[in-house]
């Protein structure tokens, strides 16, 4: 289910020490893909993984080895192949029309929820 996928995204992000704002951005990307009807049973985990990866790259100062660690974690948790993830990252970029910098009002509701939960 989508809520459980988002929970996985959050748990994994916390394990990799990503900031709540990063998780919030990943959620917004993910929801945009859902609204566009891009998700199906085959690709939803790749979608979730690619959203986390893109948000991490955009919002934070992940160093090379940390990106690698994040990809390892994504691969292990969502059980997909990193080659597929990297390919899908591009698909997601195109679907989002390269609009990775999000307006605050899209990120804030998620951010508030995440910071209140923890």
N, C-alpha and C. Protein backbone atom coordinates (compact mmCIF):
# COMPACT_ATOMS: atom_id res chain seq x y z
N UNK A 1 0.84 -1.20 0.00
CA UNK A 1 0.00 0.00 0.00
C UNK A 1 0.88 1.25 0.00
N UNK A 2 0.30 2.35 -0.41
CA UNK A 2 1.07 3.60 -0.47
C UNK A 2 1.50 4.08 0.92
N UNK A 3 0.62 4.06 1.92
CA UNK A 3 1.07 4.48 3.25
C UNK A 3 2.25 3.64 3.76
N UNK A 4 2.21 2.34 3.52
CA UNK A 4 3.32 1.51 4.03
C UNK A 4 4.61 1.78 3.24
N UNK A 5 4.47 2.11 1.96
CA UNK A 5 5.64 2.49 1.17
C UNK A 5 6.25 3.78 1.72
N UNK A 6 5.39 4.73 2.05
CA UNK A 6 5.89 6.00 2.60
C UNK A 6 6.57 5.76 3.94
N UNK A 7 6.00 4.82 4.72
CA UNK A 7 6.64 4.49 6.00
C UNK A 7 8.04 3.92 5.77
N UNK A 8 8.15 3.04 4.78
CA UNK A 8 9.47 2.48 4.42
C UNK A 8 10.43 3.59 4.01
N UNK A 9 9.94 4.53 3.20
CA UNK A 9 10.77 5.65 2.76
C UNK A 9 11.30 6.42 3.97
N UNK A 10 10.40 6.64 4.93
CA UNK A 10 10.80 7.39 6.12
C UNK A 10 11.81 6.62 6.96
N UNK A 11 11.51 5.34 7.22
CA UNK A 11 12.40 4.54 8.06
C UNK A 11 13.80 4.46 7.47
N UNK A 12 13.84 4.19 6.17
CA UNK A 12 15.12 4.08 5.48
C UNK A 12 15.88 5.40 5.53
N UNK A 13 15.15 6.50 5.34
CA UNK A 13 15.78 7.82 5.37
C UNK A 13 16.37 8.11 6.74
N UNK A 14 15.64 7.70 7.77
CA UNK A 14 16.14 7.92 9.13
C UNK A 14 17.40 7.09 9.38
N UNK A 15 17.38 5.85 8.89
CA UNK A 15 18.57 5.00 9.05
C UNK A 15 19.79 5.60 8.36
N UNK A 16 19.54 6.32 7.26
CA UNK A 16 20.65 6.93 6.52
C UNK A 16 20.89 8.38 6.95
N UNK A 17 20.27 8.76 8.08
CA UNK A 17 20.44 10.10 8.64
C UNK A 17 20.05 11.24 7.69
N UNK A 18 19.02 11.01 6.90
CA UNK A 18 18.53 12.10 6.06
C UNK A 18 17.63 13.00 6.90
N UNK A 19 17.62 14.27 6.58
CA UNK A 19 16.82 15.24 7.31
C UNK A 19 15.33 15.06 7.00
N UNK A 20 14.46 15.43 7.95
CA UNK A 20 13.02 15.39 7.68
C UNK A 20 12.61 16.16 6.42
N UNK A 21 13.29 17.26 6.16
CA UNK A 21 12.94 18.04 4.97
C UNK A 21 13.20 17.23 3.69
N UNK A 22 14.22 16.39 3.72
CA UNK A 22 14.55 15.54 2.58
C UNK A 22 13.45 14.50 2.35
N UNK A 23 13.01 13.89 3.46
CA UNK A 23 11.92 12.91 3.38
C UNK A 23 10.66 13.60 2.86
N UNK A 24 10.41 14.80 3.34
CA UNK A 24 9.23 15.56 2.91
C UNK A 24 9.26 15.79 1.40
N UNK A 25 10.43 16.14 0.89
CA UNK A 25 10.57 16.36 -0.55
C UNK A 25 10.32 15.06 -1.32
N UNK A 26 10.86 13.97 -0.80
CA UNK A 26 10.65 12.67 -1.45
C UNK A 26 9.16 12.33 -1.50
N UNK A 27 8.44 12.64 -0.42
CA UNK A 27 7.00 12.41 -0.38
C UNK A 27 6.28 13.21 -1.46
N UNK A 28 6.67 14.48 -1.61
CA UNK A 28 6.01 15.33 -2.61
C UNK A 28 6.25 14.77 -4.01
N UNK A 29 7.50 14.39 -4.29
CA UNK A 29 7.80 13.78 -5.60
C UNK A 29 6.92 12.55 -5.82
N UNK A 30 6.87 11.73 -4.78
CA UNK A 30 6.14 10.46 -4.85
C UNK A 30 4.65 10.71 -5.14
N UNK A 31 4.08 11.67 -4.40
CA UNK A 31 2.66 11.96 -4.58
C UNK A 31 2.37 12.51 -5.97
N UNK A 32 3.31 13.30 -6.49
CA UNK A 32 3.12 13.82 -7.85
C UNK A 32 3.07 12.68 -8.86
N UNK A 33 3.91 11.68 -8.66
CA UNK A 33 3.91 10.52 -9.55
C UNK A 33 2.61 9.73 -9.42
N UNK A 34 2.13 9.62 -8.19
CA UNK A 34 0.86 8.92 -7.96
C UNK A 34 -0.27 9.65 -8.70
N UNK A 35 -0.30 10.98 -8.55
CA UNK A 35 -1.35 11.78 -9.19
C UNK A 35 -1.29 11.71 -10.71
N UNK A 36 -0.08 11.57 -11.22
CA UNK A 36 0.09 11.45 -12.68
C UNK A 36 -0.25 10.05 -13.18
N UNK A 37 -0.56 9.14 -12.26
CA UNK A 37 -0.89 7.78 -12.66
C UNK A 37 0.32 6.99 -13.13
N UNK A 38 1.51 7.37 -12.64
CA UNK A 38 2.74 6.72 -13.08
C UNK A 38 3.03 5.43 -12.32
N UNK A 39 2.33 5.25 -11.19
CA UNK A 39 2.66 4.09 -10.35
C UNK A 39 1.87 2.85 -10.73
N UNK A 40 2.54 1.72 -10.73
CA UNK A 40 1.85 0.44 -10.84
C UNK A 40 2.53 -0.55 -9.91
N UNK A 41 2.00 -1.76 -9.87
CA UNK A 41 2.53 -2.77 -8.95
C UNK A 41 4.01 -3.05 -9.21
N UNK A 42 4.39 -3.04 -10.48
CA UNK A 42 5.78 -3.36 -10.84
C UNK A 42 6.77 -2.26 -10.41
N UNK A 43 6.36 -1.01 -10.56
CA UNK A 43 7.37 0.05 -10.40
C UNK A 43 7.26 0.86 -9.11
N UNK A 44 6.26 0.56 -8.26
CA UNK A 44 6.04 1.50 -7.15
C UNK A 44 7.21 1.56 -6.17
N UNK A 45 7.91 0.43 -5.99
CA UNK A 45 9.07 0.46 -5.09
C UNK A 45 10.22 1.24 -5.73
N UNK A 46 10.39 1.06 -7.03
CA UNK A 46 11.40 1.85 -7.75
C UNK A 46 11.07 3.33 -7.68
N UNK A 47 9.80 3.65 -7.82
CA UNK A 47 9.35 5.04 -7.69
C UNK A 47 9.75 5.60 -6.33
N UNK A 48 9.41 4.86 -5.30
CA UNK A 48 9.70 5.30 -3.93
C UNK A 48 11.21 5.49 -3.75
N UNK A 49 11.98 4.52 -4.21
CA UNK A 49 13.43 4.58 -4.08
C UNK A 49 14.03 5.75 -4.84
N UNK A 50 13.58 5.95 -6.06
CA UNK A 50 14.10 7.04 -6.89
C UNK A 50 13.76 8.40 -6.26
N UNK A 51 12.58 8.51 -5.68
CA UNK A 51 12.18 9.77 -5.03
C UNK A 51 13.09 10.09 -3.84
N UNK A 52 13.39 9.07 -3.05
CA UNK A 52 14.30 9.27 -1.91
C UNK A 52 15.69 9.67 -2.40
N UNK A 53 16.16 8.97 -3.41
CA UNK A 53 17.50 9.24 -3.94
C UNK A 53 17.60 10.66 -4.49
N UNK A 54 16.63 11.07 -5.27
CA UNK A 54 16.63 12.41 -5.85
C UNK A 54 16.55 13.48 -4.76
N UNK A 55 15.67 13.27 -3.79
CA UNK A 55 15.53 14.25 -2.71
C UNK A 55 16.84 14.37 -1.93
N UNK A 56 17.48 13.24 -1.70
CA UNK A 56 18.74 13.25 -0.94
C UNK A 56 19.82 14.00 -1.72
N UNK A 57 19.86 13.78 -3.01
CA UNK A 57 20.88 14.45 -3.83
C UNK A 57 20.64 15.95 -3.90
N UNK A 58 19.38 16.33 -3.99
CA UNK A 58 19.03 17.74 -4.17
C UNK A 58 19.16 18.52 -2.87
N UNK A 59 18.66 17.95 -1.77
CA UNK A 59 18.45 18.78 -0.58
C UNK A 59 19.62 18.76 0.36
N UNK A 60 20.47 17.77 0.23
CA UNK A 60 21.46 17.65 1.30
C UNK A 60 22.85 17.52 0.74
N UNK A 61 23.77 17.47 1.66
CA UNK A 61 25.17 17.43 1.27
C UNK A 61 25.68 16.00 1.34
N UNK A 62 24.94 15.09 0.78
CA UNK A 62 25.38 13.70 0.78
C UNK A 62 26.69 13.59 0.01
N UNK A 63 27.68 13.06 0.66
CA UNK A 63 28.95 12.85 -0.06
C UNK A 63 28.87 11.55 -0.85
N UNK A 64 29.82 11.39 -1.74
CA UNK A 64 29.84 10.24 -2.65
C UNK A 64 29.55 8.93 -1.92
N UNK A 65 30.30 8.66 -0.86
CA UNK A 65 30.14 7.37 -0.19
C UNK A 65 28.78 7.25 0.49
N UNK A 66 28.20 8.40 0.89
CA UNK A 66 26.89 8.37 1.53
C UNK A 66 25.79 8.06 0.50
N UNK A 67 25.96 8.60 -0.70
CA UNK A 67 25.01 8.28 -1.78
C UNK A 67 25.08 6.78 -2.06
N UNK A 68 26.28 6.25 -2.09
CA UNK A 68 26.46 4.82 -2.35
C UNK A 68 25.78 4.00 -1.24
N UNK A 69 25.97 4.44 0.00
CA UNK A 69 25.35 3.77 1.15
C UNK A 69 23.82 3.80 1.02
N UNK A 70 23.31 4.96 0.62
CA UNK A 70 21.86 5.11 0.46
C UNK A 70 21.34 4.17 -0.63
N UNK A 71 22.06 4.09 -1.73
CA UNK A 71 21.66 3.20 -2.83
C UNK A 71 21.69 1.74 -2.36
N UNK A 72 22.74 1.37 -1.62
CA UNK A 72 22.82 0.01 -1.05
C UNK A 72 21.58 -0.29 -0.21
N UNK A 73 21.25 0.66 0.66
CA UNK A 73 20.11 0.50 1.56
C UNK A 73 18.81 0.37 0.79
N UNK A 74 18.64 1.22 -0.22
CA UNK A 74 17.42 1.20 -1.03
C UNK A 74 17.27 -0.14 -1.73
N UNK A 75 18.38 -0.60 -2.26
CA UNK A 75 18.41 -1.85 -3.01
C UNK A 75 17.99 -3.01 -2.10
N UNK A 76 18.54 -2.98 -0.89
CA UNK A 76 18.30 -4.05 0.08
C UNK A 76 16.85 -3.99 0.60
N UNK A 77 16.39 -2.80 0.91
CA UNK A 77 15.07 -2.64 1.52
C UNK A 77 13.94 -2.88 0.52
N UNK A 78 14.07 -2.30 -0.66
CA UNK A 78 12.99 -2.39 -1.64
C UNK A 78 13.19 -3.55 -2.61
N UNK A 79 14.30 -4.26 -2.46
CA UNK A 79 14.59 -5.43 -3.29
C UNK A 79 14.50 -5.17 -4.78
N UNK A 80 15.21 -4.16 -5.23
CA UNK A 80 15.35 -3.98 -6.67
C UNK A 80 16.83 -3.87 -7.00
N UNK A 81 17.11 -3.81 -8.27
CA UNK A 81 18.48 -3.76 -8.73
C UNK A 81 18.89 -2.30 -8.92
N UNK A 82 20.11 -1.96 -8.50
CA UNK A 82 20.52 -0.55 -8.59
C UNK A 82 20.52 -0.05 -10.03
N UNK A 83 20.77 -0.93 -10.99
CA UNK A 83 20.72 -0.49 -12.39
C UNK A 83 19.32 0.01 -12.74
N UNK A 84 18.32 -0.73 -12.27
CA UNK A 84 16.94 -0.33 -12.51
C UNK A 84 16.63 0.98 -11.80
N UNK A 85 17.18 1.12 -10.59
CA UNK A 85 16.95 2.34 -9.82
C UNK A 85 17.51 3.56 -10.56
N UNK A 86 18.74 3.44 -11.04
CA UNK A 86 19.38 4.56 -11.72
C UNK A 86 18.61 4.92 -13.00
N UNK A 87 18.17 3.89 -13.71
CA UNK A 87 17.37 4.13 -14.91
C UNK A 87 16.05 4.82 -14.54
N UNK A 88 15.47 4.37 -13.45
CA UNK A 88 14.17 4.91 -13.05
C UNK A 88 14.28 6.32 -12.52
N UNK A 89 15.43 6.63 -11.95
CA UNK A 89 15.68 7.98 -11.46
C UNK A 89 15.46 8.98 -12.60
N UNK A 90 15.90 8.62 -13.78
CA UNK A 90 15.74 9.49 -14.94
C UNK A 90 14.26 9.59 -15.34
N UNK A 91 13.57 8.46 -15.32
CA UNK A 91 12.13 8.44 -15.61
C UNK A 91 11.38 9.39 -14.68
N UNK A 92 11.75 9.34 -13.40
CA UNK A 92 11.09 10.19 -12.40
C UNK A 92 11.41 11.66 -12.67
N UNK A 93 12.66 11.94 -12.97
CA UNK A 93 13.07 13.31 -13.30
C UNK A 93 12.21 13.88 -14.43
N UNK A 94 12.04 13.09 -15.46
CA UNK A 94 11.26 13.52 -16.62
C UNK A 94 9.80 13.73 -16.21
N UNK A 95 9.26 12.78 -15.45
CA UNK A 95 7.87 12.89 -15.00
C UNK A 95 7.65 14.15 -14.16
N UNK A 96 8.66 14.50 -13.37
CA UNK A 96 8.56 15.70 -12.52
C UNK A 96 8.95 16.95 -13.31
N UNK A 97 9.23 16.78 -14.59
CA UNK A 97 9.65 17.89 -15.46
C UNK A 97 10.86 18.62 -14.87
N UNK A 98 11.75 17.85 -14.28
CA UNK A 98 13.00 18.37 -13.69
C UNK A 98 12.77 19.37 -12.57
N UNK A 99 11.51 19.49 -12.11
CA UNK A 99 11.21 20.47 -11.07
C UNK A 99 11.49 19.88 -9.69
N UNK A 100 12.77 19.80 -9.33
CA UNK A 100 13.14 19.17 -8.07
C UNK A 100 13.17 20.14 -6.91
N UNK A 101 13.32 21.42 -7.22
CA UNK A 101 13.27 22.41 -6.14
C UNK A 101 11.81 22.75 -5.92
N UNK A 102 11.32 22.40 -4.75
CA UNK A 102 9.88 22.48 -4.50
C UNK A 102 9.55 23.75 -3.73
N UNK A 103 8.38 24.33 -4.03
CA UNK A 103 7.93 25.45 -3.20
C UNK A 103 7.68 24.99 -1.77
N UNK A 104 7.96 25.87 -0.84
CA UNK A 104 7.87 25.54 0.58
C UNK A 104 6.50 24.98 0.96
N UNK A 105 5.44 25.54 0.36
CA UNK A 105 4.09 25.13 0.76
C UNK A 105 3.79 23.68 0.40
N UNK A 106 4.56 23.10 -0.52
CA UNK A 106 4.37 21.68 -0.84
C UNK A 106 5.10 20.78 0.15
N UNK A 107 6.19 21.28 0.68
CA UNK A 107 7.05 20.47 1.55
C UNK A 107 6.61 20.57 3.02
N UNK A 108 6.18 21.75 3.41
CA UNK A 108 5.91 22.02 4.83
C UNK A 108 4.92 21.08 5.51
N UNK A 109 3.78 20.76 4.89
CA UNK A 109 2.84 19.87 5.60
C UNK A 109 3.47 18.53 5.99
N UNK A 110 4.22 17.95 5.07
CA UNK A 110 4.92 16.69 5.37
C UNK A 110 5.95 16.90 6.46
N UNK A 111 6.70 17.98 6.32
CA UNK A 111 7.76 18.28 7.27
C UNK A 111 7.18 18.39 8.70
N UNK A 112 6.08 19.14 8.79
CA UNK A 112 5.44 19.30 10.12
C UNK A 112 5.04 17.95 10.70
N UNK A 113 4.40 17.12 9.84
CA UNK A 113 3.95 15.82 10.30
C UNK A 113 5.13 14.98 10.77
N UNK A 114 6.21 14.97 9.99
CA UNK A 114 7.38 14.15 10.33
C UNK A 114 8.04 14.62 11.61
N UNK A 115 8.14 15.93 11.80
CA UNK A 115 8.84 16.44 12.97
C UNK A 115 7.97 16.31 14.22
N UNK A 116 6.66 16.28 14.04
CA UNK A 116 5.78 16.05 15.19
C UNK A 116 5.77 14.60 15.61
N UNK A 117 5.95 13.70 14.64
CA UNK A 117 5.95 12.25 14.93
C UNK A 117 7.17 11.84 15.72
N UNK A 118 8.30 12.47 15.40
CA UNK A 118 9.56 11.96 15.99
C UNK A 118 9.75 12.45 17.43
